[in-house]
Protein backbone atom coordinates (compact mmCIF):
# COMPACT_ATOMS: atom_id res chain seq x y z
CA MET A 1 47.37 -69.97 48.91
CA VAL A 2 45.78 -71.30 45.42
CA LEU A 3 48.12 -73.53 43.09
CA ASP A 4 46.23 -73.44 39.63
CA ASP A 5 47.30 -73.09 36.04
CA ASP A 6 44.11 -71.84 35.02
CA CYS A 7 43.96 -67.84 35.40
CA ASP A 8 39.97 -67.80 35.47
CA ASP A 9 39.57 -71.30 38.01
CA THR A 10 42.38 -68.79 39.94
CA LEU A 11 40.51 -65.48 39.93
CA ILE A 12 37.23 -67.42 40.75
CA ILE A 13 38.74 -68.88 43.99
CA GLN A 14 40.15 -65.85 44.73
CA GLU A 15 36.51 -63.73 44.63
CA THR A 16 35.03 -66.68 46.34
CA ILE A 17 37.21 -66.06 49.40
CA LYS A 18 36.99 -62.28 49.43
CA GLU A 19 33.14 -62.62 49.19
CA ILE A 20 33.30 -64.78 52.60
CA SER A 21 35.92 -62.79 54.14
CA THR A 22 38.38 -59.62 53.89
CA LYS A 23 40.66 -60.63 56.06
CA TYR A 24 42.02 -63.41 54.09
CA ARG A 25 45.33 -63.09 51.87
CA VAL A 26 45.50 -65.31 48.98
CA SER A 27 48.01 -65.67 47.34
CA CYS A 28 48.14 -67.51 43.69
CA LEU A 29 50.94 -69.45 41.77
CA GLN A 30 50.97 -71.34 38.96
CA LYS A 31 53.28 -74.05 39.17
CA GLY A 32 54.01 -76.61 41.88
CA GLN A 33 57.55 -76.21 42.06
CA LEU A 34 56.71 -72.30 42.81
CA VAL A 35 54.77 -73.62 45.77
CA ILE A 36 57.48 -75.56 47.24
CA GLN A 37 59.96 -72.72 47.00
CA THR A 38 57.49 -70.30 48.38
CA LEU A 39 56.42 -72.61 51.23
CA ASP A 40 60.20 -73.67 51.94
CA ASN A 41 60.85 -70.00 52.26
CA LEU A 42 57.83 -68.70 55.10
CA SER A 43 58.45 -69.14 58.76
CA ASP A 44 55.89 -71.29 60.45
CA SER A 45 53.63 -68.15 61.67
CA LYS A 46 53.52 -66.93 58.07
CA LEU A 47 52.48 -70.70 56.34
CA PRO A 48 48.83 -70.72 54.84
CA SER A 49 45.91 -71.91 56.65
CA LEU A 50 44.78 -73.43 53.27
CA LEU A 51 46.13 -74.27 50.58
CA ILE A 52 44.06 -75.16 47.23
CA LEU A 53 46.07 -77.53 44.40
CA ASP A 54 44.80 -78.04 40.69
CA TYR A 55 45.49 -81.83 40.32
CA ASN A 56 46.21 -81.95 36.57
CA LEU A 57 49.17 -79.60 36.31
CA PRO A 58 52.09 -80.38 33.67
CA VAL A 59 55.66 -80.86 35.37
CA VAL A 60 54.38 -81.41 39.03
CA THR A 61 50.63 -82.29 39.61
CA GLY A 62 48.55 -80.90 42.62
CA PHE A 63 49.07 -84.62 43.90
CA GLU A 64 52.42 -84.70 43.69
CA LEU A 65 53.31 -81.71 45.89
CA LEU A 66 50.64 -82.95 48.62
CA THR A 67 52.62 -85.88 48.53
CA GLU A 68 56.38 -83.89 48.75
CA ILE A 69 54.82 -80.94 51.67
């Protein structure tokens, strides 16, 4: 799961992960609160293996989100 408010960065991350392997599904969100809601609604077996968080986000920063989860 990628949290970044810059669409270009998100696209680069998605393409890089797909280049490594096509078996990974990449979810991209632009707001920290959406990440919290999404994670809360997922079962343990569906939780992402990796979170890539933008540190400098408006409202909820990547660091604040990491502290909350």
